[in-house]
């Protein structure tokens, strides 16, 4: 058995749901108060040693501030360029309490605090301010989630380093609650049909404006599901679903190749298994779609 931490939907779901909704609040502050960048990359959270952070956001008075989902302190932490710091403990008891306290500390420091309070990419979502259901936050569940991200990040980093074409950073999408990295062929794609729950069609169409192959890790979050790694290509090409790849299988429901986190954790070499899954799924899509792989790929330079 590897030293990758165990993740269990039965034990960890409630805490991951809190983290999912807290992460959405941090991201939505960026949506409301930062210039829009291509593919929405500016609103994704950035993984770090303590958890997940939003990029710095400018206030009207010249200061900047950063919001972090700190899974060591188990709090949403506000850092301001004037040196001040505040935090909201994640064991607030309800999502509404977290939302109320986040707005309060932003207001206290004279920072922008208005943002859309309806969660994205969650069917029949309850607005943050109205989500008064009692929720129990478990520090151990959050710590194992942080440790799992730390264990897999080097694999994501190596996969990203093997591409010289347009590619995203390794970042965390708070809408679906997944860590992801995307590679682009450079060619435009057919207009995305939209229709994704809780995501405006214009956002989906910009995100998929060009041919893309994405690899990631979905932790479930609000959805009670065992976590898994994934890989997909857009637009999908003929023969993709039946291609044999290293590890995993094609899931017809999600429309992507999936590999359970538990399978990776149970392997003798989790990093190698995950890297082989990402590489082979990308190879399958890029070959079938006839990407110019010689021009787009590179051998990563060792540190």
C-alpha atoms as a PDB file:
ATOM      1  CA  UNK A   1       0.000   0.000   0.000  1.00  0.00           C
ATOM      2  CA  UNK A   2       1.272   3.466  -0.898  1.00  0.00           C
ATOM      3  CA  UNK A   3       1.474   6.440   1.437  1.00  0.00           C
ATOM      4  CA  UNK A   4      -1.243   8.289  -0.493  1.00  0.00           C
ATOM      5  CA  UNK A   5      -4.046   9.017   2.015  1.00  0.00           C
ATOM      6  CA  UNK A   6      -7.348   7.175   1.927  1.00  0.00           C
ATOM      7  CA  UNK A   7     -10.397   9.110   0.711  1.00  0.00           C
ATOM      8  CA  UNK A   8     -13.851   7.720   1.433  1.00  0.00           C
ATOM      9  CA  UNK A   9     -17.152   9.182   0.299  1.00  0.00           C
ATOM     10  CA  UNK A  10     -18.930   7.704   3.304  1.00  0.00           C
ATOM     11  CA  UNK A  11     -16.590   9.371   5.797  1.00  0.00           C
ATOM     12  CA  UNK A  12     -15.436  12.486   3.921  1.00  0.00           C
ATOM     13  CA  UNK A  13     -18.449  13.618   1.896  1.00  0.00           C
ATOM     14  CA  UNK A  14     -19.862  16.183   4.314  1.00  0.00           C
ATOM     15  CA  UNK A  15     -16.512  17.912   4.790  1.00  0.00           C
ATOM     16  CA  UNK A  16     -15.762  17.894   1.049  1.00  0.00           C
ATOM     17  CA  UNK A  17     -19.193  19.426   0.429  1.00  0.00           C
ATOM     18  CA  UNK A  18     -18.336  22.288   2.802  1.00  0.00           C
ATOM     19  CA  UNK A  19     -14.971  22.768   1.087  1.00  0.00           C
ATOM     20  CA  UNK A  20     -16.642  22.743  -2.335  1.00  0.00           C
ATOM     21  CA  UNK A  21     -19.073  25.502  -1.382  1.00  0.00           C
ATOM     22  CA  UNK A  22     -16.410  27.523   0.463  1.00  0.00           C
ATOM     23  CA  UNK A  23     -14.153  27.277  -2.613  1.00  0.00           C
ATOM     24  CA  UNK A  24     -17.014  28.590  -4.746  1.00  0.00           C
ATOM     25  CA  UNK A  25     -17.298  31.681  -2.560  1.00  0.00           C
ATOM     26  CA  UNK A  26     -13.596  32.437  -3.003  1.00  0.00           C
ATOM     27  CA  UNK A  27     -13.803  31.954  -6.747  1.00  0.00           C
ATOM     28  CA  UNK A  28     -16.931  34.041  -7.104  1.00  0.00           C
ATOM     29  CA  UNK A  29     -15.212  37.030  -5.488  1.00  0.00           C
ATOM     30  CA  UNK A  30     -12.726  36.838  -8.383  1.00  0.00           C
ATOM     31  CA  UNK A  31     -15.527  36.518 -10.946  1.00  0.00           C
ATOM     32  CA  UNK A  32     -17.133  39.707  -9.621  1.00  0.00           C
ATOM     33  CA  UNK A  33     -14.015  41.829  -9.151  1.00  0.00           C
ATOM     34  CA  UNK A  34     -11.279  40.795 -11.622  1.00  0.00           C
ATOM     35  CA  UNK A  35     -10.966  41.331 -15.399  1.00  0.00           C
ATOM     36  CA  UNK A  36     -12.118  38.280 -17.331  1.00  0.00           C
ATOM     37  CA  UNK A  37      -9.324  36.203 -18.870  1.00  0.00           C
ATOM     38  CA  UNK A  38      -9.571  33.603 -21.623  1.00  0.00           C
ATOM     39  CA  UNK A  39     -11.122  30.328 -20.486  1.00  0.00           C
ATOM     40  CA  UNK A  40     -11.741  31.820 -17.031  1.00  0.00           C
ATOM     41  CA  UNK A  41      -8.257  30.827 -15.881  1.00  0.00           C
ATOM     42  CA  UNK A  42      -8.086  33.872 -13.598  1.00  0.00           C
ATOM     43  CA  UNK A  43     -10.887  32.575 -11.354  1.00  0.00           C
ATOM     44  CA  UNK A  44      -9.490  29.071 -10.779  1.00  0.00           C
ATOM     45  CA  UNK A  45      -7.910  28.425  -7.387  1.00  0.00           C
ATOM     46  CA  UNK A  46      -4.204  27.695  -7.126  1.00  0.00           C
ATOM     47  CA  UNK A  47      -2.994  24.660  -5.124  1.00  0.00           C
ATOM     48  CA  UNK A  48      -0.316  25.370  -2.532  1.00  0.00           C
ATOM     49  CA  UNK A  49       1.227  23.738   0.528  1.00  0.00           C
ATOM     50  CA  UNK A  50      -1.656  24.777   2.777  1.00  0.00           C
ATOM     51  CA  UNK A  51      -4.628  24.217   0.484  1.00  0.00           C
ATOM     52  CA  UNK A  52      -6.108  26.350  -2.291  1.00  0.00           C
ATOM     53  CA  UNK A  53      -5.787  30.095  -2.938  1.00  0.00           C
ATOM     54  CA  UNK A  54      -7.422  32.626  -5.210  1.00  0.00           C
ATOM     55  CA  UNK A  55      -5.153  34.892  -7.216  1.00  0.00           C
ATOM     56  CA  UNK A  56      -4.696  38.423  -5.817  1.00  0.00           C
ATOM     57  CA  UNK A  57      -7.644  40.753  -6.411  1.00  0.00           C
ATOM     58  CA  UNK A  58      -7.378  44.551  -6.584  1.00  0.00           C
ATOM     59  CA  UNK A  59      -9.439  46.861  -4.370  1.00  0.00           C
ATOM     60  CA  UNK A  60     -10.401  50.351  -5.548  1.00  0.00           C
ATOM     61  CA  UNK A  61      -8.017  52.054  -3.101  1.00  0.00           C
ATOM     62  CA  UNK A  62      -4.880  50.457  -4.547  1.00  0.00           C
ATOM     63  CA  UNK A  63      -4.618  47.562  -2.106  1.00  0.00           C
ATOM     64  CA  UNK A  64      -4.788  43.925  -3.163  1.00  0.00           C
ATOM     65  CA  UNK A  65      -6.117  40.950  -1.252  1.00  0.00           C
ATOM     66  CA  UNK A  66      -6.000  37.180  -1.445  1.00  0.00           C
ATOM     67  CA  UNK A  67      -8.441  34.597  -0.104  1.00  0.00           C
ATOM     68  CA  UNK A  68      -7.147  31.141   0.817  1.00  0.00           C
ATOM     69  CA  UNK A  69      -8.873  27.909   1.711  1.00  0.00           C
ATOM     70  CA  UNK A  70      -6.308  27.015   4.364  1.00  0.00           C
ATOM     71  CA  UNK A  71      -6.578  23.308   5.210  1.00  0.00           C
ATOM     72  CA  UNK A  72      -3.867  23.541   7.866  1.00  0.00           C
ATOM     73  CA  UNK A  73      -5.658  26.265   9.841  1.00  0.00           C
ATOM     74  CA  UNK A  74      -9.048  24.911   8.666  1.00  0.00           C
ATOM     75  CA  UNK A  75     -10.258  28.367   7.763  1.00  0.00           C
ATOM     76  CA  UNK A  76     -10.935  30.768   4.922  1.00  0.00           C
ATOM     77  CA  UNK A  77      -8.072  33.226   5.370  1.00  0.00           C
ATOM     78  CA  UNK A  78      -8.017  36.813   4.092  1.00  0.00           C
ATOM     79  CA  UNK A  79      -4.603  38.359   3.406  1.00  0.00           C
ATOM     80  CA  UNK A  80      -4.418  42.090   2.550  1.00  0.00           C
ATOM     81  CA  UNK A  81      -1.477  43.961   1.037  1.00  0.00           C
ATOM     82  CA  UNK A  82      -1.498  46.415   3.959  1.00  0.00           C
ATOM     83  CA  UNK A  83      -0.369  43.526   6.196  1.00  0.00           C
ATOM     84  CA  UNK A  84      -3.702  42.707   7.812  1.00  0.00           C
ATOM     85  CA  UNK A  85      -5.127  39.203   8.070  1.00  0.00           C
ATOM     86  CA  UNK A  86      -8.478  37.723   9.116  1.00  0.00           C
ATOM     87  CA  UNK A  87      -9.938  34.243   9.017  1.00  0.00           C
ATOM     88  CA  UNK A  88     -13.283  32.466   9.078  1.00  0.00           C
ATOM     89  CA  UNK A  89     -13.151  28.975  10.647  1.00  0.00           C
ATOM     90  CA  UNK A  90     -14.591  26.304   8.370  1.00  0.00           C
ATOM     91  CA  UNK A  91     -16.479  24.672  11.250  1.00  0.00           C
ATOM     92  CA  UNK A  92     -19.020  27.514  11.225  1.00  0.00           C
ATOM     93  CA  UNK A  93     -21.942  25.082  11.417  1.00  0.00           C
ATOM     94  CA  UNK A  94     -23.607  25.984   8.107  1.00  0.00           C
ATOM     95  CA  UNK A  95     -22.821  27.354   4.658  1.00  0.00           C
ATOM     96  CA  UNK A  96     -24.937  30.424   5.404  1.00  0.00           C
ATOM     97  CA  UNK A  97     -22.769  31.193   8.436  1.00  0.00           C
ATOM     98  CA  UNK A  98     -19.588  30.881   6.345  1.00  0.00           C
ATOM     99  CA  UNK A  99     -21.049  33.171   3.690  1.00  0.00           C
ATOM    100  CA  UNK A 100     -22.150  35.761   6.256  1.00  0.00           C
ATOM    101  CA  UNK A 101     -18.785  35.815   8.030  1.00  0.00           C
ATOM    102  CA  UNK A 102     -16.786  36.034   4.793  1.00  0.00           C
ATOM    103  CA  UNK A 103     -18.759  39.086   3.715  1.00  0.00           C
ATOM    104  CA  UNK A 104     -18.326  40.605   7.186  1.00  0.00           C
ATOM    105  CA  UNK A 105     -14.519  40.400   7.173  1.00  0.00           C
ATOM    106  CA  UNK A 106     -14.322  41.812   3.635  1.00  0.00           C
ATOM    107  CA  UNK A 107     -16.575  44.703   4.656  1.00  0.00           C
ATOM    108  CA  UNK A 108     -14.572  45.272   7.828  1.00  0.00           C
ATOM    109  CA  UNK A 109     -11.439  45.839   5.745  1.00  0.00           C
ATOM    110  CA  UNK A 110     -13.185  47.973   3.149  1.00  0.00           C
ATOM    111  CA  UNK A 111     -12.790  45.351   0.427  1.00  0.00           C
ATOM    112  CA  UNK A 112     -15.279  44.372  -2.308  1.00  0.00           C
ATOM    113  CA  UNK A 113     -17.694  41.853  -0.840  1.00  0.00           C
ATOM    114  CA  UNK A 114     -20.573  41.523  -3.304  1.00  0.00           C
ATOM    115  CA  UNK A 115     -20.693  38.378  -5.454  1.00  0.00           C
ATOM    116  CA  UNK A 116     -23.293  36.018  -6.888  1.00  0.00           C
ATOM    117  CA  UNK A 117     -24.463  33.791  -4.051  1.00  0.00           C
ATOM    118  CA  UNK A 118     -25.913  30.887  -6.061  1.00  0.00           C
ATOM    119  CA  UNK A 119     -23.484  27.943  -6.424  1.00  0.00           C
ATOM    120  CA  UNK A 120     -22.439  26.999  -9.951  1.00  0.00           C
ATOM    121  CA  UNK A 121     -22.436  23.573 -11.616  1.00  0.00           C
ATOM    122  CA  UNK A 122     -24.654  22.105  -8.889  1.00  0.00           C
ATOM    123  CA  UNK A 123     -28.209  21.104  -9.907  1.00  0.00           C
ATOM    124  CA  UNK A 124     -30.967  22.752  -7.817  1.00  0.00           C
ATOM    125  CA  UNK A 125     -28.365  24.673  -5.817  1.00  0.00           C
ATOM    126  CA  UNK A 126     -29.421  26.555  -2.687  1.00  0.00           C
ATOM    127  CA  UNK A 127     -28.035  30.109  -2.450  1.00  0.00           C
ATOM    128  CA  UNK A 128     -25.250  30.385   0.110  1.00  0.00           C
ATOM    129  CA  UNK A 129     -27.194  32.840   2.261  1.00  0.00           C
ATOM    130  CA  UNK A 130     -30.155  30.445   2.487  1.00  0.00           C
ATOM    131  CA  UNK A 131     -28.179  27.242   3.133  1.00  0.00           C
ATOM    132  CA  UNK A 132     -28.803  26.978   6.870  1.00  0.00           C
ATOM    133  CA  UNK A 133     -28.622  23.183   7.046  1.00  0.00           C
ATOM    134  CA  UNK A 134     -26.388  21.944   9.840  1.00  0.00           C
ATOM    135  CA  UNK A 135     -23.048  20.694   8.470  1.00  0.00           C
ATOM    136  CA  UNK A 136     -20.228  19.042  10.392  1.00  0.00           C
ATOM    137  CA  UNK A 137     -16.655  19.836   9.371  1.00  0.00           C
ATOM    138  CA  UNK A 138     -14.077  17.101  10.029  1.00  0.00           C
ATOM    139  CA  UNK A 139     -10.455  18.250  10.237  1.00  0.00           C
ATOM    140  CA  UNK A 140      -9.112  14.783   9.476  1.00  0.00           C
ATOM    141  CA  UNK A 141     -11.123  14.557   6.240  1.00  0.00           C
ATOM    142  CA  UNK A 142      -9.843  17.977   5.157  1.00  0.00           C
ATOM    143  CA  UNK A 143      -6.241  17.087   6.044  1.00  0.00           C
ATOM    144  CA  UNK A 144      -6.363  13.874   3.996  1.00  0.00           C
ATOM    145  CA  UNK A 145      -7.806  15.778   1.046  1.00  0.00           C
ATOM    146  CA  UNK A 146      -4.923  18.277   1.291  1.00  0.00           C
ATOM    147  CA  UNK A 147      -2.396  15.421   1.508  1.00  0.00           C
ATOM    148  CA  UNK A 148      -3.955  13.726  -1.528  1.00  0.00           C
ATOM    149  CA  UNK A 149      -3.589  16.912  -3.579  1.00  0.00           C
ATOM    150  CA  UNK A 150       0.042  17.212  -2.455  1.00  0.00           C
ATOM    151  CA  UNK A 151       0.744  13.609  -3.511  1.00  0.00           C
ATOM    152  CA  UNK A 152      -0.706  13.972  -7.007  1.00  0.00           C
ATOM    153  CA  UNK A 153       0.536  17.478  -7.858  1.00  0.00           C
ATOM    154  CA  UNK A 154       3.998  16.310  -9.044  1.00  0.00           C
ATOM    155  CA  UNK A 155       2.331  13.983 -11.558  1.00  0.00           C
ATOM    156  CA  UNK A 156       0.187  16.842 -12.860  1.00  0.00           C
ATOM    157  CA  UNK A 157       3.289  19.039 -13.024  1.00  0.00           C
ATOM    158  CA  UNK A 158       5.255  16.517 -15.080  1.00  0.00           C
ATOM    159  CA  UNK A 159       2.319  16.043 -17.441  1.00  0.00           C
ATOM    160  CA  UNK A 160       2.041  19.816 -17.937  1.00  0.00           C
ATOM    161  CA  UNK A 161       5.818  20.108 -18.470  1.00  0.00           C
ATOM    162  CA  UNK A 162       5.657  17.720 -21.431  1.00  0.00           C
ATOM    163  CA  UNK A 163       3.784  20.222 -23.590  1.00  0.00           C
ATOM    164  CA  UNK A 164       5.130  23.337 -25.323  1.00  0.00           C
ATOM    165  CA  UNK A 165       1.884  24.374 -27.006  1.00  0.00           C
ATOM    166  CA  UNK A 166      -0.832  26.405 -25.328  1.00  0.00           C
ATOM    167  CA  UNK A 167      -1.677  24.802 -21.999  1.00  0.00           C
ATOM    168  CA  UNK A 168      -3.350  25.854 -18.789  1.00  0.00           C
ATOM    169  CA  UNK A 169      -1.628  25.980 -15.410  1.00  0.00           C
ATOM    170  CA  UNK A 170      -2.342  23.108 -13.035  1.00  0.00           C
ATOM    171  CA  UNK A 171      -5.262  24.693 -11.208  1.00  0.00           C
ATOM    172  CA  UNK A 172      -8.398  23.879  -9.236  1.00  0.00           C
ATOM    173  CA  UNK A 173     -11.853  24.500 -10.659  1.00  0.00           C
ATOM    174  CA  UNK A 174     -14.224  25.371  -7.829  1.00  0.00           C
ATOM    175  CA  UNK A 175     -17.342  24.919  -9.963  1.00  0.00           C
ATOM    176  CA  UNK A 176     -17.045  21.152 -10.257  1.00  0.00           C
ATOM    177  CA  UNK A 177     -14.432  20.803  -7.475  1.00  0.00           C
ATOM    178  CA  UNK A 178     -11.632  19.319  -9.561  1.00  0.00           C
ATOM    179  CA  UNK A 179      -7.894  19.725 -10.078  1.00  0.00           C
ATOM    180  CA  UNK A 180      -7.126  19.969 -13.790  1.00  0.00           C
ATOM    181  CA  UNK A 181      -4.629  20.768 -16.524  1.00  0.00           C
ATOM    182  CA  UNK A 182      -5.531  21.295 -20.191  1.00  0.00           C
ATOM    183  CA  UNK A 183      -3.569  21.018 -23.425  1.00  0.00           C
ATOM    184  CA  UNK A 184      -4.717  22.728 -26.645  1.00  0.00           C
ATOM    185  CA  UNK A 185      -4.050  21.780 -30.267  1.00  0.00           C
ATOM    186  CA  UNK A 186      -4.181  25.397 -31.460  1.00  0.00           C
ATOM    187  CA  UNK A 187      -7.163  24.751 -33.734  1.00  0.00           C
ATOM    188  CA  UNK A 188     -10.631  26.160 -33.128  1.00  0.00           C
ATOM    189  CA  UNK A 189     -13.391  23.765 -32.072  1.00  0.00           C
ATOM    190  CA  UNK A 190     -17.074  23.531 -32.997  1.00  0.00           C
ATOM    191  CA  UNK A 191     -19.293  25.651 -30.767  1.00  0.00           C
ATOM    192  CA  UNK A 192     -19.947  23.869 -27.493  1.00  0.00           C
ATOM    193  CA  UNK A 193     -23.648  22.984 -27.070  1.00  0.00           C
ATOM    194  CA  UNK A 194     -23.766  24.326 -23.519  1.00  0.00           C
ATOM    195  CA  UNK A 195     -26.450  22.958 -21.240  1.00  0.00           C
ATOM    196  CA  UNK A 196     -24.108  22.249 -18.320  1.00  0.00           C
ATOM    197  CA  UNK A 197     -25.956  22.542 -14.971  1.00  0.00           C
ATOM    198  CA  UNK A 198     -25.372  25.872 -13.263  1.00  0.00           C
ATOM    199  CA  UNK A 199     -22.869  27.104 -15.872  1.00  0.00           C
ATOM    200  CA  UNK A 200     -23.851  29.846 -18.349  1.00  0.00           C
ATOM    201  CA  UNK A 201     -23.575  28.647 -21.937  1.00  0.00           C
ATOM    202  CA  UNK A 202     -21.326  31.600 -22.854  1.00  0.00           C
ATOM    203  CA  UNK A 203     -18.768  30.445 -20.264  1.00  0.00           C
ATOM    204  CA  UNK A 204     -18.808  26.843 -21.515  1.00  0.00           C
ATOM    205  CA  UNK A 205     -18.439  27.997 -25.116  1.00  0.00           C
ATOM    206  CA  UNK A 206     -15.409  30.123 -24.323  1.00  0.00           C
ATOM    207  CA  UNK A 207     -13.847  27.347 -22.238  1.00  0.00           C
ATOM    208  CA  UNK A 208     -14.165  24.952 -25.190  1.00  0.00           C
ATOM    209  CA  UNK A 209     -13.506  27.438 -27.998  1.00  0.00           C
ATOM    210  CA  UNK A 210     -10.443  25.437 -29.116  1.00  0.00           C
ATOM    211  CA  UNK A 211      -9.619  21.744 -29.354  1.00  0.00           C
ATOM    212  CA  UNK A 212      -8.578  20.613 -25.900  1.00  0.00           C
ATOM    213  CA  UNK A 213      -7.413  17.542 -24.016  1.00  0.00           C
ATOM    214  CA  UNK A 214      -7.886  17.766 -20.247  1.00  0.00           C
ATOM    215  CA  UNK A 215      -6.643  15.596 -17.396  1.00  0.00           C
ATOM    216  CA  UNK A 216      -7.815  15.949 -13.835  1.00  0.00           C
ATOM    217  CA  UNK A 217      -8.919  14.721 -10.444  1.00  0.00           C
ATOM    218  CA  UNK A 218     -12.531  15.012  -9.308  1.00  0.00           C
ATOM    219  CA  UNK A 219     -13.052  14.893  -5.558  1.00  0.00           C
ATOM    220  CA  UNK A 220     -16.856  14.778  -5.594  1.00  0.00           C
ATOM    221  CA  UNK A 221     -17.506  17.688  -3.265  1.00  0.00           C
ATOM    222  CA  UNK A 222     -21.240  18.333  -3.012  1.00  0.00           C
ATOM    223  CA  UNK A 223     -21.839  15.177  -5.066  1.00  0.00           C
ATOM    224  CA  UNK A 224     -21.573  12.028  -2.954  1.00  0.00           C
ATOM    225  CA  UNK A 225     -19.227   9.999  -5.172  1.00  0.00           C
ATOM    226  CA  UNK A 226     -15.933   8.213  -4.795  1.00  0.00           C
ATOM    227  CA  UNK A 227     -13.126  10.428  -6.186  1.00  0.00           C
ATOM    228  CA  UNK A 228     -11.476   9.576  -9.489  1.00  0.00           C
ATOM    229  CA  UNK A 229      -8.964  10.793 -12.049  1.00  0.00           C
ATOM    230  CA  UNK A 230     -10.186  11.589 -15.560  1.00  0.00           C
ATOM    231  CA  UNK A 231      -9.094  12.425 -19.085  1.00  0.00           C
ATOM    232  CA  UNK A 232     -11.163  13.604 -22.060  1.00  0.00           C
ATOM    233  CA  UNK A 233     -10.839  15.369 -25.407  1.00  0.00           C
ATOM    234  CA  UNK A 234     -13.130  17.986 -26.969  1.00  0.00           C
ATOM    235  CA  UNK A 235     -14.440  17.643 -29.557  1.00  0.00           C
ATOM    236  CA  UNK A 236     -14.588  13.884 -29.203  1.00  0.00           C
ATOM    237  CA  UNK A 237     -13.381  11.982 -32.267  1.00  0.00           C
ATOM    238  CA  UNK A 238     -14.534   8.670 -33.708  1.00  0.00           C
ATOM    239  CA  UNK A 239     -13.010   5.596 -32.106  1.00  0.00           C
ATOM    240  CA  UNK A 240     -11.948   7.453 -28.958  1.00  0.00           C
ATOM    241  CA  UNK A 241     -14.276   5.613 -26.585  1.00  0.00           C
ATOM    242  CA  UNK A 242     -13.102   2.168 -27.677  1.00  0.00           C
ATOM    243  CA  UNK A 243      -9.367   2.896 -27.617  1.00  0.00           C
ATOM    244  CA  UNK A 244      -7.344   0.796 -25.193  1.00  0.00           C
ATOM    245  CA  UNK A 245      -5.418   2.879 -22.685  1.00  0.00           C
ATOM    246  CA  UNK A 246      -3.221   2.136 -19.679  1.00  0.00           C
ATOM    247  CA  UNK A 247      -5.483   1.619 -16.670  1.00  0.00           C
ATOM    248  CA  UNK A 248      -8.994   2.931 -16.176  1.00  0.00           C
ATOM    249  CA  UNK A 249     -11.999   2.669 -18.465  1.00  0.00           C
ATOM    250  CA  UNK A 250     -14.286   4.878 -20.529  1.00  0.00           C
ATOM    251  CA  UNK A 251     -17.331   6.030 -18.574  1.00  0.00           C
ATOM    252  CA  UNK A 252     -20.390   6.595 -20.753  1.00  0.00           C
ATOM    253  CA  UNK A 253     -22.104   8.763 -18.125  1.00  0.00           C
ATOM    254  CA  UNK A 254     -19.276  11.269 -17.819  1.00  0.00           C
ATOM    255  CA  UNK A 255     -18.029  10.895 -21.395  1.00  0.00           C
ATOM    256  CA  UNK A 256     -14.400  10.503 -20.359  1.00  0.00           C
ATOM    257  CA  UNK A 257     -11.810   7.975 -19.296  1.00  0.00           C
ATOM    258  CA  UNK A 258     -11.820   7.478 -15.521  1.00  0.00           C
ATOM    259  CA  UNK A 259      -9.475   5.859 -13.020  1.00  0.00           C
ATOM    260  CA  UNK A 260     -10.622   5.545  -9.379  1.00  0.00           C
ATOM    261  CA  UNK A 261      -8.427   7.282  -6.819  1.00  0.00           C
ATOM    262  CA  UNK A 262      -8.635   4.124  -4.687  1.00  0.00           C
ATOM    263  CA  UNK A 263      -7.033   2.077  -7.499  1.00  0.00           C
ATOM    264  CA  UNK A 264      -4.143   4.517  -7.789  1.00  0.00           C
ATOM    265  CA  UNK A 265      -3.634   4.584  -4.032  1.00  0.00           C
ATOM    266  CA  UNK A 266      -3.611   0.762  -3.875  1.00  0.00           C
ATOM    267  CA  UNK A 267      -0.928   0.382  -6.551  1.00  0.00           C
ATOM    268  CA  UNK A 268       2.743  -0.205  -5.763  1.00  0.00           C
ATOM    269  CA  UNK A 269       3.693   2.995  -7.579  1.00  0.00           C
ATOM    270  CA  UNK A 270       0.758   5.468  -7.634  1.00  0.00           C
ATOM    271  CA  UNK A 271       2.657   8.240  -9.420  1.00  0.00           C
ATOM    272  CA  UNK A 272       3.713   5.929 -12.222  1.00  0.00           C
ATOM    273  CA  UNK A 273       0.215   4.490 -12.632  1.00  0.00           C
ATOM    274  CA  UNK A 274      -1.374   7.932 -12.775  1.00  0.00           C
ATOM    275  CA  UNK A 275       1.235   9.234 -15.208  1.00  0.00           C
ATOM    276  CA  UNK A 276       0.664   6.268 -17.514  1.00  0.00           C
ATOM    277  CA  UNK A 277      -3.092   6.874 -17.401  1.00  0.00           C
ATOM    278  CA  UNK A 278      -2.741  10.570 -18.286  1.00  0.00           C
ATOM    279  CA  UNK A 279      -0.191   9.922 -21.043  1.00  0.00           C
ATOM    280  CA  UNK A 280      -2.036   7.066 -22.727  1.00  0.00           C
ATOM    281  CA  UNK A 281      -5.439   8.789 -22.661  1.00  0.00           C
ATOM    282  CA  UNK A 282      -3.912  11.935 -24.148  1.00  0.00           C
ATOM    283  CA  UNK A 283      -2.052   9.870 -26.761  1.00  0.00           C
ATOM    284  CA  UNK A 284      -5.295   8.214 -27.821  1.00  0.00           C
ATOM    285  CA  UNK A 285      -7.157  11.485 -28.330  1.00  0.00           C
ATOM    286  CA  UNK A 286      -4.298  13.441 -29.896  1.00  0.00           C
ATOM    287  CA  UNK A 287      -3.537  10.677 -32.397  1.00  0.00           C
ATOM    288  CA  UNK A 288      -7.161  10.175 -33.440  1.00  0.00           C
ATOM    289  CA  UNK A 289      -7.676  13.948 -33.782  1.00  0.00           C
ATOM    290  CA  UNK A 290      -4.400  14.258 -35.742  1.00  0.00           C
ATOM    291  CA  UNK A 291      -2.841  16.900 -33.529  1.00  0.00           C
ATOM    292  CA  UNK A 292       0.582  18.152 -34.660  1.00  0.00           C
ATOM    293  CA  UNK A 293       2.280  16.375 -31.781  1.00  0.00           C
ATOM    294  CA  UNK A 294       5.833  17.001 -32.982  1.00  0.00           C
ATOM    295  CA  UNK A 295       5.245  20.740 -32.771  1.00  0.00           C
ATOM    296  CA  UNK A 296       3.259  20.688 -29.525  1.00  0.00           C
ATOM    297  CA  UNK A 297       5.183  18.358 -27.247  1.00  0.00           C
ATOM    298  CA  UNK A 298       8.552  18.454 -25.521  1.00  0.00           C
ATOM    299  CA  UNK A 299      10.709  16.381 -23.233  1.00  0.00           C
ATOM    300  CA  UNK A 300      10.462  17.864 -19.721  1.00  0.00           C
ATOM    301  CA  UNK A 301      13.771  19.231 -18.482  1.00  0.00           C
ATOM    302  CA  UNK A 302      14.846  17.650 -15.223  1.00  0.00           C
ATOM    303  CA  UNK A 303      15.284  20.032 -12.256  1.00  0.00           C
END
